[in-house]
C-alpha atoms as a PDB file:
ATOM      1  CA  UNK A   1       3.422 -35.518  -5.590  1.00  0.00           C
ATOM      2  CA  UNK A   2       1.245 -38.628  -5.421  1.00  0.00           C
ATOM      3  CA  UNK A   3       2.543 -42.138  -5.986  1.00  0.00           C
ATOM      4  CA  UNK A   4       2.417 -42.162  -9.790  1.00  0.00           C
ATOM      5  CA  UNK A   5       1.820 -45.916  -9.945  1.00  0.00           C
ATOM      6  CA  UNK A   6      -1.569 -45.387  -8.281  1.00  0.00           C
ATOM      7  CA  UNK A   7      -0.704 -47.997  -5.645  1.00  0.00           C
ATOM      8  CA  UNK A   8      -2.310 -47.852  -2.242  1.00  0.00           C
ATOM      9  CA  UNK A   9       0.345 -47.655   0.483  1.00  0.00           C
ATOM     10  CA  UNK A  10      -0.399 -48.665   4.080  1.00  0.00           C
ATOM     11  CA  UNK A  11       0.341 -45.986   6.671  1.00  0.00           C
ATOM     12  CA  UNK A  12      -0.251 -45.668  10.386  1.00  0.00           C
ATOM     13  CA  UNK A  13      -1.196 -42.425  12.098  1.00  0.00           C
ATOM     14  CA  UNK A  14      -1.043 -41.518  15.770  1.00  0.00           C
ATOM     15  CA  UNK A  15      -3.843 -39.372  17.210  1.00  0.00           C
ATOM     16  CA  UNK A  16      -3.875 -37.613  20.555  1.00  0.00           C
ATOM     17  CA  UNK A  17      -5.733 -34.934  22.498  1.00  0.00           C
ATOM     18  CA  UNK A  18      -5.873 -33.632  26.049  1.00  0.00           C
ATOM     19  CA  UNK A  19      -8.134 -30.574  25.721  1.00  0.00           C
ATOM     20  CA  UNK A  20     -11.852 -29.914  25.291  1.00  0.00           C
ATOM     21  CA  UNK A  21     -13.194 -33.459  25.688  1.00  0.00           C
ATOM     22  CA  UNK A  22     -10.229 -35.464  24.349  1.00  0.00           C
ATOM     23  CA  UNK A  23     -12.287 -38.595  23.574  1.00  0.00           C
ATOM     24  CA  UNK A  24     -14.613 -36.536  21.356  1.00  0.00           C
ATOM     25  CA  UNK A  25     -11.638 -34.768  19.731  1.00  0.00           C
ATOM     26  CA  UNK A  26      -9.948 -38.070  18.812  1.00  0.00           C
ATOM     27  CA  UNK A  27     -13.237 -39.536  17.542  1.00  0.00           C
ATOM     28  CA  UNK A  28     -13.834 -36.421  15.411  1.00  0.00           C
ATOM     29  CA  UNK A  29     -10.322 -36.661  13.940  1.00  0.00           C
ATOM     30  CA  UNK A  30     -10.874 -40.352  13.151  1.00  0.00           C
ATOM     31  CA  UNK A  31     -14.157 -39.497  11.413  1.00  0.00           C
ATOM     32  CA  UNK A  32     -12.405 -36.810   9.378  1.00  0.00           C
ATOM     33  CA  UNK A  33      -9.558 -39.035   8.145  1.00  0.00           C
ATOM     34  CA  UNK A  34     -11.711 -40.316   5.274  1.00  0.00           C
ATOM     35  CA  UNK A  35     -11.981 -36.731   4.056  1.00  0.00           C
ATOM     36  CA  UNK A  36      -8.288 -36.779   3.148  1.00  0.00           C
ATOM     37  CA  UNK A  37      -7.860 -37.053  -0.610  1.00  0.00           C
ATOM     38  CA  UNK A  38      -6.826 -40.485  -1.879  1.00  0.00           C
ATOM     39  CA  UNK A  39      -6.725 -41.856   1.665  1.00  0.00           C
ATOM     40  CA  UNK A  40      -9.005 -44.461   3.230  1.00  0.00           C
ATOM     41  CA  UNK A  41      -9.346 -45.336   6.911  1.00  0.00           C
ATOM     42  CA  UNK A  42      -9.123 -49.124   7.283  1.00  0.00           C
ATOM     43  CA  UNK A  43      -8.397 -49.790  10.985  1.00  0.00           C
ATOM     44  CA  UNK A  44      -8.749 -48.020  14.322  1.00  0.00           C
ATOM     45  CA  UNK A  45      -7.238 -49.019  17.646  1.00  0.00           C
ATOM     46  CA  UNK A  46      -8.859 -48.762  21.024  1.00  0.00           C
ATOM     47  CA  UNK A  47      -8.642 -45.383  22.737  1.00  0.00           C
ATOM     48  CA  UNK A  48      -6.134 -45.144  25.574  1.00  0.00           C
ATOM     49  CA  UNK A  49      -5.646 -42.635  28.376  1.00  0.00           C
ATOM     50  CA  UNK A  50      -2.146 -41.804  29.547  1.00  0.00           C
ATOM     51  CA  UNK A  51      -0.213 -39.153  31.451  1.00  0.00           C
ATOM     52  CA  UNK A  52       1.363 -36.356  29.404  1.00  0.00           C
ATOM     53  CA  UNK A  53       4.868 -36.921  28.071  1.00  0.00           C
ATOM     54  CA  UNK A  54       5.931 -33.341  28.647  1.00  0.00           C
ATOM     55  CA  UNK A  55       5.091 -31.017  31.513  1.00  0.00           C
ATOM     56  CA  UNK A  56       2.955 -32.811  34.075  1.00  0.00           C
ATOM     57  CA  UNK A  57       0.790 -29.753  34.842  1.00  0.00           C
ATOM     58  CA  UNK A  58      -1.633 -30.599  32.042  1.00  0.00           C
ATOM     59  CA  UNK A  59      -4.494 -33.086  31.619  1.00  0.00           C
ATOM     60  CA  UNK A  60      -3.932 -36.713  30.644  1.00  0.00           C
ATOM     61  CA  UNK A  61      -4.010 -37.516  26.936  1.00  0.00           C
ATOM     62  CA  UNK A  62      -6.333 -39.749  24.963  1.00  0.00           C
ATOM     63  CA  UNK A  63      -4.475 -41.557  22.177  1.00  0.00           C
ATOM     64  CA  UNK A  64      -5.279 -43.947  19.343  1.00  0.00           C
ATOM     65  CA  UNK A  65      -3.689 -45.246  16.149  1.00  0.00           C
ATOM     66  CA  UNK A  66      -5.387 -45.397  12.762  1.00  0.00           C
ATOM     67  CA  UNK A  67      -4.402 -47.542   9.813  1.00  0.00           C
ATOM     68  CA  UNK A  68      -4.979 -45.994   6.407  1.00  0.00           C
ATOM     69  CA  UNK A  69      -4.345 -46.801   2.794  1.00  0.00           C
ATOM     70  CA  UNK A  70      -3.178 -43.837   0.755  1.00  0.00           C
ATOM     71  CA  UNK A  71      -2.040 -42.930  -2.709  1.00  0.00           C
ATOM     72  CA  UNK A  72      -0.363 -39.780  -1.390  1.00  0.00           C
ATOM     73  CA  UNK A  73       3.375 -39.429  -0.842  1.00  0.00           C
ATOM     74  CA  UNK A  74       4.497 -39.208   2.797  1.00  0.00           C
ATOM     75  CA  UNK A  75       5.003 -35.449   2.455  1.00  0.00           C
ATOM     76  CA  UNK A  76       1.544 -34.953   0.928  1.00  0.00           C
ATOM     77  CA  UNK A  77      -0.109 -37.126   3.555  1.00  0.00           C
ATOM     78  CA  UNK A  78       1.611 -35.204   6.355  1.00  0.00           C
ATOM     79  CA  UNK A  79       0.553 -31.886   4.811  1.00  0.00           C
ATOM     80  CA  UNK A  80      -3.066 -33.103   4.639  1.00  0.00           C
ATOM     81  CA  UNK A  81      -2.877 -34.243   8.262  1.00  0.00           C
ATOM     82  CA  UNK A  82      -1.630 -30.816   9.338  1.00  0.00           C
ATOM     83  CA  UNK A  83      -4.460 -29.112   7.457  1.00  0.00           C
ATOM     84  CA  UNK A  84      -6.901 -31.448   9.228  1.00  0.00           C
ATOM     85  CA  UNK A  85      -5.352 -30.517  12.591  1.00  0.00           C
ATOM     86  CA  UNK A  86      -5.890 -26.834  11.817  1.00  0.00           C
ATOM     87  CA  UNK A  87      -9.472 -27.463  10.690  1.00  0.00           C
ATOM     88  CA  UNK A  88     -10.120 -29.230  14.010  1.00  0.00           C
ATOM     89  CA  UNK A  89      -8.766 -26.280  15.998  1.00  0.00           C
ATOM     90  CA  UNK A  90      -5.071 -26.965  16.503  1.00  0.00           C
ATOM     91  CA  UNK A  91      -2.965 -23.839  16.664  1.00  0.00           C
ATOM     92  CA  UNK A  92       0.777 -24.438  16.482  1.00  0.00           C
ATOM     93  CA  UNK A  93       2.915 -22.068  18.501  1.00  0.00           C
ATOM     94  CA  UNK A  94       6.629 -21.979  19.215  1.00  0.00           C
ATOM     95  CA  UNK A  95       7.439 -24.094  22.237  1.00  0.00           C
ATOM     96  CA  UNK A  96       4.253 -26.214  22.208  1.00  0.00           C
ATOM     97  CA  UNK A  97       6.090 -29.450  21.416  1.00  0.00           C
ATOM     98  CA  UNK A  98       5.121 -31.145  24.685  1.00  0.00           C
ATOM     99  CA  UNK A  99       2.224 -28.901  25.649  1.00  0.00           C
ATOM    100  CA  UNK A 100      -1.522 -29.490  25.757  1.00  0.00           C
ATOM    101  CA  UNK A 101      -3.432 -29.593  22.486  1.00  0.00           C
ATOM    102  CA  UNK A 102      -6.876 -30.058  21.041  1.00  0.00           C
ATOM    103  CA  UNK A 103      -5.600 -32.574  18.494  1.00  0.00           C
ATOM    104  CA  UNK A 104      -2.263 -33.984  17.424  1.00  0.00           C
ATOM    105  CA  UNK A 105      -1.788 -36.173  14.352  1.00  0.00           C
ATOM    106  CA  UNK A 106       1.530 -37.932  13.710  1.00  0.00           C
ATOM    107  CA  UNK A 107       2.599 -39.949  10.697  1.00  0.00           C
ATOM    108  CA  UNK A 108       4.115 -43.007  12.359  1.00  0.00           C
ATOM    109  CA  UNK A 109       4.821 -45.481   9.551  1.00  0.00           C
ATOM    110  CA  UNK A 110       4.460 -45.174   5.775  1.00  0.00           C
ATOM    111  CA  UNK A 111       4.931 -48.530   4.033  1.00  0.00           C
ATOM    112  CA  UNK A 112       8.569 -49.591   4.353  1.00  0.00           C
ATOM    113  CA  UNK A 113       9.856 -46.044   3.898  1.00  0.00           C
ATOM    114  CA  UNK A 114      12.756 -44.776   5.953  1.00  0.00           C
ATOM    115  CA  UNK A 115      13.088 -41.030   5.529  1.00  0.00           C
ATOM    116  CA  UNK A 116      14.649 -38.135   7.376  1.00  0.00           C
ATOM    117  CA  UNK A 117      13.908 -34.683   6.025  1.00  0.00           C
ATOM    118  CA  UNK A 118      13.108 -31.419   7.815  1.00  0.00           C
ATOM    119  CA  UNK A 119       9.724 -31.842   9.483  1.00  0.00           C
ATOM    120  CA  UNK A 120       9.348 -35.577   8.750  1.00  0.00           C
ATOM    121  CA  UNK A 121      11.124 -38.662  10.062  1.00  0.00           C
ATOM    122  CA  UNK A 122       9.867 -42.089   9.031  1.00  0.00           C
ATOM    123  CA  UNK A 123       9.219 -44.238  10.785  1.00  0.00           C
ATOM    124  CA  UNK A 124       8.487 -41.909  13.680  1.00  0.00           C
ATOM    125  CA  UNK A 125      11.553 -42.205  15.919  1.00  0.00           C
ATOM    126  CA  UNK A 126       9.552 -42.419  19.170  1.00  0.00           C
ATOM    127  CA  UNK A 127       7.427 -45.474  18.353  1.00  0.00           C
ATOM    128  CA  UNK A 128       9.471 -48.008  20.302  1.00  0.00           C
ATOM    129  CA  UNK A 129       9.689 -45.798  23.411  1.00  0.00           C
ATOM    130  CA  UNK A 130       6.069 -44.673  23.670  1.00  0.00           C
ATOM    131  CA  UNK A 131       3.589 -47.121  25.136  1.00  0.00           C
ATOM    132  CA  UNK A 132       0.728 -44.807  24.123  1.00  0.00           C
ATOM    133  CA  UNK A 133       1.752 -45.452  20.509  1.00  0.00           C
ATOM    134  CA  UNK A 134       2.904 -49.072  20.736  1.00  0.00           C
ATOM    135  CA  UNK A 135      -0.145 -50.553  22.448  1.00  0.00           C
ATOM    136  CA  UNK A 136      -2.704 -48.926  20.135  1.00  0.00           C
ATOM    137  CA  UNK A 137      -0.537 -49.888  17.139  1.00  0.00           C
ATOM    138  CA  UNK A 138      -0.416 -53.462  18.435  1.00  0.00           C
ATOM    139  CA  UNK A 139      -4.239 -53.473  18.500  1.00  0.00           C
ATOM    140  CA  UNK A 140      -4.426 -53.084  14.725  1.00  0.00           C
ATOM    141  CA  UNK A 141      -1.020 -54.226  13.377  1.00  0.00           C
ATOM    142  CA  UNK A 142       0.721 -56.613  15.811  1.00  0.00           C
ATOM    143  CA  UNK A 143       2.923 -58.161  13.124  1.00  0.00           C
ATOM    144  CA  UNK A 144       3.864 -54.879  11.449  1.00  0.00           C
ATOM    145  CA  UNK A 145       7.597 -54.505  10.940  1.00  0.00           C
ATOM    146  CA  UNK A 146       8.556 -50.944  11.818  1.00  0.00           C
ATOM    147  CA  UNK A 147      11.601 -50.252   9.623  1.00  0.00           C
ATOM    148  CA  UNK A 148      14.740 -50.057  11.738  1.00  0.00           C
ATOM    149  CA  UNK A 149      12.870 -50.681  15.023  1.00  0.00           C
ATOM    150  CA  UNK A 150      11.333 -54.167  14.964  1.00  0.00           C
ATOM    151  CA  UNK A 151       8.018 -56.014  15.008  1.00  0.00           C
ATOM    152  CA  UNK A 152       5.246 -54.164  16.878  1.00  0.00           C
ATOM    153  CA  UNK A 153       4.226 -57.056  19.159  1.00  0.00           C
ATOM    154  CA  UNK A 154       7.880 -57.634  20.149  1.00  0.00           C
ATOM    155  CA  UNK A 155       8.404 -53.925  20.817  1.00  0.00           C
ATOM    156  CA  UNK A 156       5.247 -53.871  22.966  1.00  0.00           C
ATOM    157  CA  UNK A 157       6.497 -56.833  25.016  1.00  0.00           C
ATOM    158  CA  UNK A 158       9.551 -54.752  25.957  1.00  0.00           C
ATOM    159  CA  UNK A 159       7.453 -51.730  26.893  1.00  0.00           C
ATOM    160  CA  UNK A 160       5.701 -51.126  30.184  1.00  0.00           C
ATOM    161  CA  UNK A 161       2.016 -50.327  30.384  1.00  0.00           C
ATOM    162  CA  UNK A 162       2.663 -47.920  33.281  1.00  0.00           C
ATOM    163  CA  UNK A 163       0.086 -45.143  33.271  1.00  0.00           C
ATOM    164  CA  UNK A 164      -1.688 -46.465  30.172  1.00  0.00           C
ATOM    165  CA  UNK A 165      -5.407 -47.226  30.499  1.00  0.00           C
ATOM    166  CA  UNK A 166      -7.619 -48.671  27.756  1.00  0.00           C
ATOM    167  CA  UNK A 167     -10.808 -46.633  27.473  1.00  0.00           C
ATOM    168  CA  UNK A 168     -12.832 -48.228  24.681  1.00  0.00           C
ATOM    169  CA  UNK A 169     -12.548 -50.552  21.710  1.00  0.00           C
ATOM    170  CA  UNK A 170     -11.684 -49.273  18.280  1.00  0.00           C
ATOM    171  CA  UNK A 171     -13.783 -49.111  15.147  1.00  0.00           C
ATOM    172  CA  UNK A 172     -13.296 -48.797  11.414  1.00  0.00           C
END
């Protein structure tokens, strides 16, 4: 159910790909974000390359973070993001949590909401431990307070850039 007040809520989305021209896959996903109902893309980080988090026998990832404004609830926004993933060619299979993928979209932060329900934890619990999320998020929201984790720029200062390589500037 949408936010009945009609208010626009800021949210931050993580994007990643390591298959079939990952830079093009992330760019395509960014272009498609404005197709989500009642959601507007307002900021895009630089693109970053980084080693995979899971099994190392897969290509490096390309990651970015997008800032959006949405009137959708967190659950509705996540559902729309998963439909977009499918439309862009993502096929979810059992055991693919850390595997290669054409596109991966994660809901990182939704306003000041803290939520833990099956299939959705807000803010995303891995933000403060993942440089491939923190550094792109710092590009577009350095002073963002991630509920329960801290201020993005402070979290980034405590994170290492090991393996992370900036590929190109963002857009919006």
